[in-house]
PDB file of all heavy atoms in Angstrom:
ATOM      1  N   GLY A   1       2.583 -12.158  -9.948  1.00  0.00           N
ATOM      2  CA  GLY A   1       2.145 -13.382  -9.270  1.00  0.00           C
ATOM      3  C   GLY A   1       2.826 -13.573  -7.922  1.00  0.00           C
ATOM      4  O   GLY A   1       2.220 -14.082  -6.973  1.00  0.00           O
ATOM      5  N   VAL A   2       4.077 -13.163  -7.821  1.00  0.00           N
ATOM      6  CA  VAL A   2       4.788 -13.237  -6.539  1.00  0.00           C
ATOM      7  C   VAL A   2       4.054 -12.380  -5.509  1.00  0.00           C
ATOM      8  O   VAL A   2       3.805 -12.815  -4.388  1.00  0.00           O
ATOM      9  CB  VAL A   2       6.259 -12.778  -6.690  1.00  0.00           C
ATOM     10  CG1 VAL A   2       6.935 -12.645  -5.337  1.00  0.00           C
ATOM     11  CG2 VAL A   2       7.020 -13.748  -7.574  1.00  0.00           C
ATOM     12  N   GLY A   3       3.701 -11.175  -5.900  1.00  0.00           N
ATOM     13  CA  GLY A   3       2.948 -10.297  -4.997  1.00  0.00           C
ATOM     14  C   GLY A   3       1.602 -10.878  -4.617  1.00  0.00           C
ATOM     15  O   GLY A   3       1.172 -10.779  -3.461  1.00  0.00           O
ATOM     16  N   VAL A   4       0.936 -11.503  -5.569  1.00  0.00           N
ATOM     17  CA  VAL A   4      -0.370 -12.112  -5.298  1.00  0.00           C
ATOM     18  C   VAL A   4      -0.243 -13.184  -4.227  1.00  0.00           C
ATOM     19  O   VAL A   4      -0.982 -13.197  -3.242  1.00  0.00           O
ATOM     20  CB  VAL A   4      -0.986 -12.715  -6.594  1.00  0.00           C
ATOM     21  CG1 VAL A   4      -2.206 -13.562  -6.281  1.00  0.00           C
ATOM     22  CG2 VAL A   4      -1.336 -11.618  -7.581  1.00  0.00           C
ATOM     23  N   VAL A   5       0.703 -14.105  -4.410  1.00  0.00           N
ATOM     24  CA  VAL A   5       0.847 -15.211  -3.459  1.00  0.00           C
ATOM     25  C   VAL A   5       1.250 -14.701  -2.079  1.00  0.00           C
ATOM     26  O   VAL A   5       0.662 -15.089  -1.063  1.00  0.00           O
ATOM     27  CB  VAL A   5       1.838 -16.277  -3.984  1.00  0.00           C
ATOM     28  CG1 VAL A   5       2.107 -17.341  -2.932  1.00  0.00           C
ATOM     29  CG2 VAL A   5       1.295 -16.918  -5.260  1.00  0.00           C
ATOM     30  N   ILE A   6       2.238 -13.812  -2.029  1.00  0.00           N
ATOM     31  CA  ILE A   6       2.685 -13.268  -0.731  1.00  0.00           C
ATOM     32  C   ILE A   6       1.515 -12.591  -0.011  1.00  0.00           C
ATOM     33  O   ILE A   6       1.275 -12.820   1.179  1.00  0.00           O
ATOM     34  CB  ILE A   6       3.852 -12.271  -0.924  1.00  0.00           C
ATOM     35  CG1 ILE A   6       5.125 -13.013  -1.266  1.00  0.00           C
ATOM     36  CG2 ILE A   6       4.061 -11.394   0.295  1.00  0.00           C
ATOM     37  CD1 ILE A   6       5.743 -13.790  -0.134  1.00  0.00           C
ATOM     38  N   CYS A   7       0.805 -11.734  -0.727  1.00  0.00           N
ATOM     39  CA  CYS A   7      -0.303 -10.991  -0.097  1.00  0.00           C
ATOM     40  C   CYS A   7      -1.433 -11.920   0.335  1.00  0.00           C
ATOM     41  O   CYS A   7      -2.019 -11.735   1.410  1.00  0.00           O
ATOM     42  CB  CYS A   7      -0.830  -9.915  -1.043  1.00  0.00           C
ATOM     43  SG  CYS A   7       0.351  -8.572  -1.311  1.00  0.00           S
ATOM     44  N   LEU A   8      -1.753 -12.928  -0.479  1.00  0.00           N
ATOM     45  CA  LEU A   8      -2.806 -13.871  -0.099  1.00  0.00           C
ATOM     46  C   LEU A   8      -2.428 -14.673   1.147  1.00  0.00           C
ATOM     47  O   LEU A   8      -3.237 -14.839   2.061  1.00  0.00           O
ATOM     48  CB  LEU A   8      -3.102 -14.842  -1.246  1.00  0.00           C
ATOM     49  CG  LEU A   8      -4.122 -14.380  -2.260  1.00  0.00           C
ATOM     50  CD1 LEU A   8      -4.160 -15.335  -3.451  1.00  0.00           C
ATOM     51  CD2 LEU A   8      -5.489 -14.279  -1.638  1.00  0.00           C
ATOM     52  N   VAL A   9      -1.198 -15.162   1.172  1.00  0.00           N
ATOM     53  CA  VAL A   9      -0.756 -15.952   2.318  1.00  0.00           C
ATOM     54  C   VAL A   9      -0.797 -15.112   3.596  1.00  0.00           C
ATOM     55  O   VAL A   9      -1.319 -15.555   4.634  1.00  0.00           O
ATOM     56  CB  VAL A   9       0.656 -16.532   2.059  1.00  0.00           C
ATOM     57  CG1 VAL A   9       1.271 -17.081   3.322  1.00  0.00           C
ATOM     58  CG2 VAL A   9       0.589 -17.611   0.992  1.00  0.00           C
ATOM     59  N   GLN A  10      -0.274 -13.897   3.521  1.00  0.00           N
ATOM     60  CA  GLN A  10      -0.275 -13.036   4.704  1.00  0.00           C
ATOM     61  C   GLN A  10      -1.691 -12.594   5.075  1.00  0.00           C
ATOM     62  O   GLN A  10      -2.031 -12.540   6.255  1.00  0.00           O
ATOM     63  CB  GLN A  10       0.612 -11.807   4.464  1.00  0.00           C
ATOM     64  CG  GLN A  10       2.087 -12.137   4.362  1.00  0.00           C
ATOM     65  CD  GLN A  10       2.608 -12.831   5.607  1.00  0.00           C
ATOM     66  OE1 GLN A  10       2.352 -12.412   6.724  1.00  0.00           O
ATOM     67  NE2 GLN A  10       3.330 -13.925   5.408  1.00  0.00           N
ATOM     68  N   GLY A  11      -2.506 -12.269   4.073  1.00  0.00           N
ATOM     69  CA  GLY A  11      -3.890 -11.878   4.344  1.00  0.00           C
ATOM     70  C   GLY A  11      -4.675 -12.982   5.026  1.00  0.00           C
ATOM     71  O   GLY A  11      -5.436 -12.739   5.966  1.00  0.00           O
ATOM     72  N   MET A  12      -4.485 -14.218   4.580  1.00  0.00           N
ATOM     73  CA  MET A  12      -5.182 -15.337   5.214  1.00  0.00           C
ATOM     74  C   MET A  12      -4.707 -15.551   6.635  1.00  0.00           C
ATOM     75  O   MET A  12      -5.496 -15.882   7.515  1.00  0.00           O
ATOM     76  CB  MET A  12      -5.002 -16.613   4.399  1.00  0.00           C
ATOM     77  CG  MET A  12      -5.898 -16.625   3.200  1.00  0.00           C
ATOM     78  SD  MET A  12      -6.109 -18.221   2.447  1.00  0.00           S
ATOM     79  CE  MET A  12      -6.316 -19.322   3.783  1.00  0.00           C
ATOM     80  N   LYS A  13      -3.415 -15.362   6.861  1.00  0.00           N
ATOM     81  CA  LYS A  13      -2.872 -15.526   8.209  1.00  0.00           C
ATOM     82  C   LYS A  13      -3.499 -14.497   9.152  1.00  0.00           C
ATOM     83  O   LYS A  13      -3.821 -14.803  10.296  1.00  0.00           O
ATOM     84  CB  LYS A  13      -1.352 -15.363   8.184  1.00  0.00           C
ATOM     85  CG  LYS A  13      -0.687 -15.657   9.512  1.00  0.00           C
ATOM     86  CD  LYS A  13       0.794 -15.290   9.533  1.00  0.00           C
ATOM     87  CE  LYS A  13       1.601 -16.048   8.528  1.00  0.00           C
ATOM     88  NZ  LYS A  13       3.054 -15.774   8.638  1.00  0.00           N
ATOM     89  N   LEU A  14      -3.678 -13.281   8.670  1.00  0.00           N
ATOM     90  CA  LEU A  14      -4.182 -12.191   9.511  1.00  0.00           C
ATOM     91  C   LEU A  14      -5.705 -12.119   9.591  1.00  0.00           C
ATOM     92  O   LEU A  14      -6.249 -11.681  10.613  1.00  0.00           O
ATOM     93  CB  LEU A  14      -3.637 -10.854   8.996  1.00  0.00           C
ATOM     94  CG  LEU A  14      -2.112 -10.716   9.050  1.00  0.00           C
ATOM     95  CD1 LEU A  14      -1.665  -9.484   8.271  1.00  0.00           C
ATOM     96  CD2 LEU A  14      -1.625 -10.666  10.486  1.00  0.00           C
ATOM     97  N   LEU A  15      -6.395 -12.533   8.527  1.00  0.00           N
ATOM     98  CA  LEU A  15      -7.852 -12.346   8.466  1.00  0.00           C
ATOM     99  C   LEU A  15      -8.659 -13.637   8.453  1.00  0.00           C
ATOM    100  O   LEU A  15      -9.854 -13.605   8.715  1.00  0.00           O
ATOM    101  CB  LEU A  15      -8.224 -11.547   7.202  1.00  0.00           C
ATOM    102  CG  LEU A  15      -7.608 -10.164   7.056  1.00  0.00           C
ATOM    103  CD1 LEU A  15      -7.919  -9.598   5.678  1.00  0.00           C
ATOM    104  CD2 LEU A  15      -8.117  -9.246   8.155  1.00  0.00           C
ATOM    105  N   GLY A  16      -8.041 -14.736   8.096  1.00  0.00           N
ATOM    106  CA  GLY A  16      -8.781 -15.980   7.904  1.00  0.00           C
ATOM    107  C   GLY A  16      -9.164 -16.114   6.438  1.00  0.00           C
ATOM    108  O   GLY A  16      -9.223 -15.128   5.697  1.00  0.00           O
ATOM    109  N   PRO A  17      -9.441 -17.355   5.996  1.00  0.00           N
ATOM    110  CA  PRO A  17      -9.638 -17.606   4.574  1.00  0.00           C
ATOM    111  C   PRO A  17     -10.848 -16.892   3.953  1.00  0.00           C
ATOM    112  O   PRO A  17     -10.726 -16.267   2.916  1.00  0.00           O
ATOM    113  CB  PRO A  17      -9.797 -19.121   4.465  1.00  0.00           C
ATOM    114  CG  PRO A  17      -9.635 -19.670   5.810  1.00  0.00           C
ATOM    115  CD  PRO A  17      -9.429 -18.576   6.778  1.00  0.00           C
ATOM    116  N   THR A  18     -12.002 -16.999   4.559  1.00  0.00           N
ATOM    117  CA  THR A  18     -13.204 -16.459   3.933  1.00  0.00           C
ATOM    118  C   THR A  18     -13.167 -14.946   3.831  1.00  0.00           C
ATOM    119  O   THR A  18     -13.467 -14.368   2.786  1.00  0.00           O
ATOM    120  CB  THR A  18     -14.464 -16.904   4.710  1.00  0.00           C
ATOM    121  OG1 THR A  18     -14.437 -18.328   4.833  1.00  0.00           O
ATOM    122  CG2 THR A  18     -15.721 -16.482   3.993  1.00  0.00           C
ATOM    123  N   TYR A  19     -12.778 -14.295   4.898  1.00  0.00           N
ATOM    124  CA  TYR A  19     -12.719 -12.839   4.909  1.00  0.00           C
ATOM    125  C   TYR A  19     -11.656 -12.341   3.937  1.00  0.00           C
ATOM    126  O   TYR A  19     -11.891 -11.418   3.150  1.00  0.00           O
ATOM    127  CB  TYR A  19     -12.443 -12.368   6.337  1.00  0.00           C
ATOM    128  CG  TYR A  19     -12.632 -10.893   6.580  1.00  0.00           C
ATOM    129  CD1 TYR A  19     -13.708 -10.191   6.057  1.00  0.00           C
ATOM    130  CD2 TYR A  19     -11.715 -10.193   7.356  1.00  0.00           C
ATOM    131  CE1 TYR A  19     -13.865  -8.839   6.298  1.00  0.00           C
ATOM    132  CE2 TYR A  19     -11.867  -8.843   7.604  1.00  0.00           C
ATOM    133  CZ  TYR A  19     -12.942  -8.170   7.067  1.00  0.00           C
ATOM    134  OH  TYR A  19     -13.094  -6.831   7.299  1.00  0.00           O
ATOM    135  N   ALA A  20     -10.488 -12.963   3.936  1.00  0.00           N
ATOM    136  CA  ALA A  20      -9.405 -12.549   3.043  1.00  0.00           C
ATOM    137  C   ALA A  20      -9.804 -12.726   1.583  1.00  0.00           C
ATOM    138  O   ALA A  20      -9.630 -11.818   0.763  1.00  0.00           O
ATOM    139  CB  ALA A  20      -8.129 -13.333   3.352  1.00  0.00           C
ATOM    140  N   ILE A  21     -10.345 -13.885   1.235  1.00  0.00           N
ATOM    141  CA  ILE A  21     -10.749 -14.143  -0.151  1.00  0.00           C
ATOM    142  C   ILE A  21     -11.867 -13.197  -0.574  1.00  0.00           C
ATOM    143  O   ILE A  21     -11.888 -12.712  -1.701  1.00  0.00           O
ATOM    144  CB  ILE A  21     -11.170 -15.616  -0.339  1.00  0.00           C
ATOM    145  CG1 ILE A  21      -9.951 -16.526  -0.238  1.00  0.00           C
ATOM    146  CG2 ILE A  21     -11.867 -15.825  -1.673  1.00  0.00           C
ATOM    147  CD1 ILE A  21      -8.954 -16.370  -1.364  1.00  0.00           C
ATOM    148  N   SER A  22     -12.794 -12.908   0.322  1.00  0.00           N
ATOM    149  CA  SER A  22     -13.876 -11.969  -0.004  1.00  0.00           C
ATOM    150  C   SER A  22     -13.318 -10.602  -0.370  1.00  0.00           C
ATOM    151  O   SER A  22     -13.753  -9.976  -1.344  1.00  0.00           O
ATOM    152  CB  SER A  22     -14.829 -11.809   1.188  1.00  0.00           C
ATOM    153  OG  SER A  22     -15.441 -13.022   1.506  1.00  0.00           O
ATOM    154  N   ILE A  23     -12.358 -10.145   0.387  1.00  0.00           N
ATOM    155  CA  ILE A  23     -11.755  -8.842   0.114  1.00  0.00           C
ATOM    156  C   ILE A  23     -10.944  -8.893  -1.181  1.00  0.00           C
ATOM    157  O   ILE A  23     -11.013  -7.974  -2.001  1.00  0.00           O
ATOM    158  CB  ILE A  23     -10.895  -8.388   1.308  1.00  0.00           C
ATOM    159  CG1 ILE A  23     -11.813  -8.102   2.502  1.00  0.00           C
ATOM    160  CG2 ILE A  23     -10.058  -7.164   0.956  1.00  0.00           C
ATOM    161  CD1 ILE A  23     -11.092  -7.879   3.801  1.00  0.00           C
ATOM    162  N   VAL A  24     -10.207  -9.965  -1.378  1.00  0.00           N
ATOM    163  CA  VAL A  24      -9.411 -10.112  -2.603  1.00  0.00           C
ATOM    164  C   VAL A  24     -10.322 -10.075  -3.829  1.00  0.00           C
ATOM    165  O   VAL A  24     -10.045  -9.366  -4.805  1.00  0.00           O
ATOM    166  CB  VAL A  24      -8.593 -11.422  -2.573  1.00  0.00           C
ATOM    167  CG1 VAL A  24      -8.037 -11.761  -3.946  1.00  0.00           C
ATOM    168  CG2 VAL A  24      -7.474 -11.325  -1.552  1.00  0.00           C
ATOM    169  N   LEU A  25     -11.403 -10.831  -3.799  1.00  0.00           N
ATOM    170  CA  LEU A  25     -12.297 -10.884  -4.956  1.00  0.00           C
ATOM    171  C   LEU A  25     -12.988  -9.550  -5.200  1.00  0.00           C
ATOM    172  O   LEU A  25     -13.191  -9.144  -6.346  1.00  0.00           O
ATOM    173  CB  LEU A  25     -13.313 -12.015  -4.794  1.00  0.00           C
ATOM    174  CG  LEU A  25     -12.707 -13.414  -4.814  1.00  0.00           C
ATOM    175  CD1 LEU A  25     -13.774 -14.474  -4.594  1.00  0.00           C
ATOM    176  CD2 LEU A  25     -11.969 -13.677  -6.114  1.00  0.00           C
ATOM    177  N   THR A  26     -13.336  -8.845  -4.122  1.00  0.00           N
ATOM    178  CA  THR A  26     -13.947  -7.530  -4.279  1.00  0.00           C
ATOM    179  C   THR A  26     -12.947  -6.541  -4.873  1.00  0.00           C
ATOM    180  O   THR A  26     -13.284  -5.764  -5.777  1.00  0.00           O
ATOM    181  CB  THR A  26     -14.468  -7.005  -2.926  1.00  0.00           C
ATOM    182  OG1 THR A  26     -15.395  -7.955  -2.410  1.00  0.00           O
ATOM    183  CG2 THR A  26     -15.149  -5.669  -3.087  1.00  0.00           C
ATOM    184  N   ALA A  27     -11.715  -6.574  -4.399  1.00  0.00           N
ATOM    185  CA  ALA A  27     -10.677  -5.703  -4.959  1.00  0.00           C
ATOM    186  C   ALA A  27     -10.430  -6.048  -6.423  1.00  0.00           C
ATOM    187  O   ALA A  27     -10.289  -5.158  -7.269  1.00  0.00           O
ATOM    188  CB  ALA A  27      -9.394  -5.826  -4.148  1.00  0.00           C
ATOM    189  N   GLN A  28     -10.407  -7.339  -6.726  1.00  0.00           N
ATOM    190  CA  GLN A  28     -10.196  -7.776  -8.102  1.00  0.00           C
ATOM    191  C   GLN A  28     -11.309  -7.258  -9.010  1.00  0.00           C
ATOM    192  O   GLN A  28     -11.040  -6.714 -10.087  1.00  0.00           O
ATOM    193  CB  GLN A  28     -10.140  -9.303  -8.134  1.00  0.00           C
ATOM    194  CG  GLN A  28      -9.806  -9.889  -9.481  1.00  0.00           C
ATOM    195  CD  GLN A  28      -9.708 -11.401  -9.432  1.00  0.00           C
ATOM    196  OE1 GLN A  28      -9.870 -12.032  -8.398  1.00  0.00           O
ATOM    197  NE2 GLN A  28      -9.443 -12.002 -10.571  1.00  0.00           N
ATOM    198  N   LEU A  29     -12.535  -7.384  -8.580  1.00  0.00           N
ATOM    199  CA  LEU A  29     -13.670  -6.900  -9.355  1.00  0.00           C
ATOM    200  C   LEU A  29     -13.627  -5.382  -9.511  1.00  0.00           C
ATOM    201  O   LEU A  29     -13.846  -4.845 -10.600  1.00  0.00           O
ATOM    202  CB  LEU A  29     -14.986  -7.326  -8.696  1.00  0.00           C
ATOM    203  CG  LEU A  29     -16.267  -6.858  -9.363  1.00  0.00           C
ATOM    204  CD1 LEU A  29     -16.396  -7.435 -10.767  1.00  0.00           C
ATOM    205  CD2 LEU A  29     -17.467  -7.257  -8.520  1.00  0.00           C
ATOM    206  N   SER A  30     -13.314  -4.681  -8.435  1.00  0.00           N
ATOM    207  CA  SER A  30     -13.268  -3.212  -8.470  1.00  0.00           C
ATOM    208  C   SER A  30     -12.191  -2.713  -9.432  1.00  0.00           C
ATOM    209  O   SER A  30     -12.435  -1.806 -10.234  1.00  0.00           O
ATOM    210  CB  SER A  30     -13.003  -2.650  -7.068  1.00  0.00           C
ATOM    211  OG  SER A  30     -14.038  -3.021  -6.190  1.00  0.00           O
ATOM    212  N   PHE A  31     -11.002  -3.297  -9.364  1.00  0.00           N
ATOM    213  CA  PHE A  31      -9.930  -2.854 -10.253  1.00  0.00           C
ATOM    214  C   PHE A  31     -10.192  -3.272 -11.700  1.00  0.00           C
ATOM    215  O   PHE A  31      -9.860  -2.531 -12.626  1.00  0.00           O
ATOM    216  CB  PHE A  31      -8.570  -3.355  -9.763  1.00  0.00           C
ATOM    217  CG  PHE A  31      -8.018  -2.501  -8.665  1.00  0.00           C
ATOM    218  CD1 PHE A  31      -8.185  -2.860  -7.339  1.00  0.00           C
ATOM    219  CD2 PHE A  31      -7.366  -1.317  -8.958  1.00  0.00           C
ATOM    220  CE1 PHE A  31      -7.703  -2.059  -6.316  1.00  0.00           C
ATOM    221  CE2 PHE A  31      -6.869  -0.503  -7.942  1.00  0.00           C
ATOM    222  CZ  PHE A  31      -7.039  -0.873  -6.621  1.00  0.00           C
ATOM    223  N   ALA A  32     -10.795  -4.434 -11.905  1.00  0.00           N
ATOM    224  CA  ALA A  32     -11.158  -4.834 -13.274  1.00  0.00           C
ATOM    225  C   ALA A  32     -12.167  -3.851 -13.853  1.00  0.00           C
ATOM    226  O   ALA A  32     -12.063  -3.462 -15.024  1.00  0.00           O
ATOM    227  CB  ALA A  32     -11.725  -6.249 -13.271  1.00  0.00           C
ATOM    228  N   LEU A  33     -13.122  -3.420 -13.038  1.00  0.00           N
ATOM    229  CA  LEU A  33     -14.103  -2.432 -13.475  1.00  0.00           C
ATOM    230  C   LEU A  33     -13.412  -1.111 -13.819  1.00  0.00           C
ATOM    231  O   LEU A  33     -13.709  -0.486 -14.845  1.00  0.00           O
ATOM    232  CB  LEU A  33     -15.160  -2.224 -12.381  1.00  0.00           C
ATOM    233  CG  LEU A  33     -16.230  -1.178 -12.641  1.00  0.00           C
ATOM    234  CD1 LEU A  33     -17.044  -1.516 -13.880  1.00  0.00           C
ATOM    235  CD2 LEU A  33     -17.151  -1.066 -11.427  1.00  0.00           C
ATOM    236  N   LEU A  34     -12.469  -0.698 -12.984  1.00  0.00           N
ATOM    237  CA  LEU A  34     -11.732   0.537 -13.238  1.00  0.00           C
ATOM    238  C   LEU A  34     -10.945   0.448 -14.540  1.00  0.00           C
ATOM    239  O   LEU A  34     -11.012   1.335 -15.396  1.00  0.00           O
ATOM    240  CB  LEU A  34     -10.784   0.834 -12.066  1.00  0.00           C
ATOM    241  CG  LEU A  34      -9.865   2.043 -12.223  1.00  0.00           C
ATOM    242  CD1 LEU A  34     -10.664   3.341 -12.192  1.00  0.00           C
ATOM    243  CD2 LEU A  34      -8.810   2.042 -11.135  1.00  0.00           C
TER     244      LEU A  34
END
C-alpha cells in the first residue's frame, strides 16, 4: 500500500489525474488477468 500511494501521488503529479488513473487501472487489470 505504501508503494501504491507513493506511485499514485507521483504519477498524478507527472501525468495528471485522468491519464494516471487510466494507466493504473489498465495495469491493475492486466496484472490481475496474468
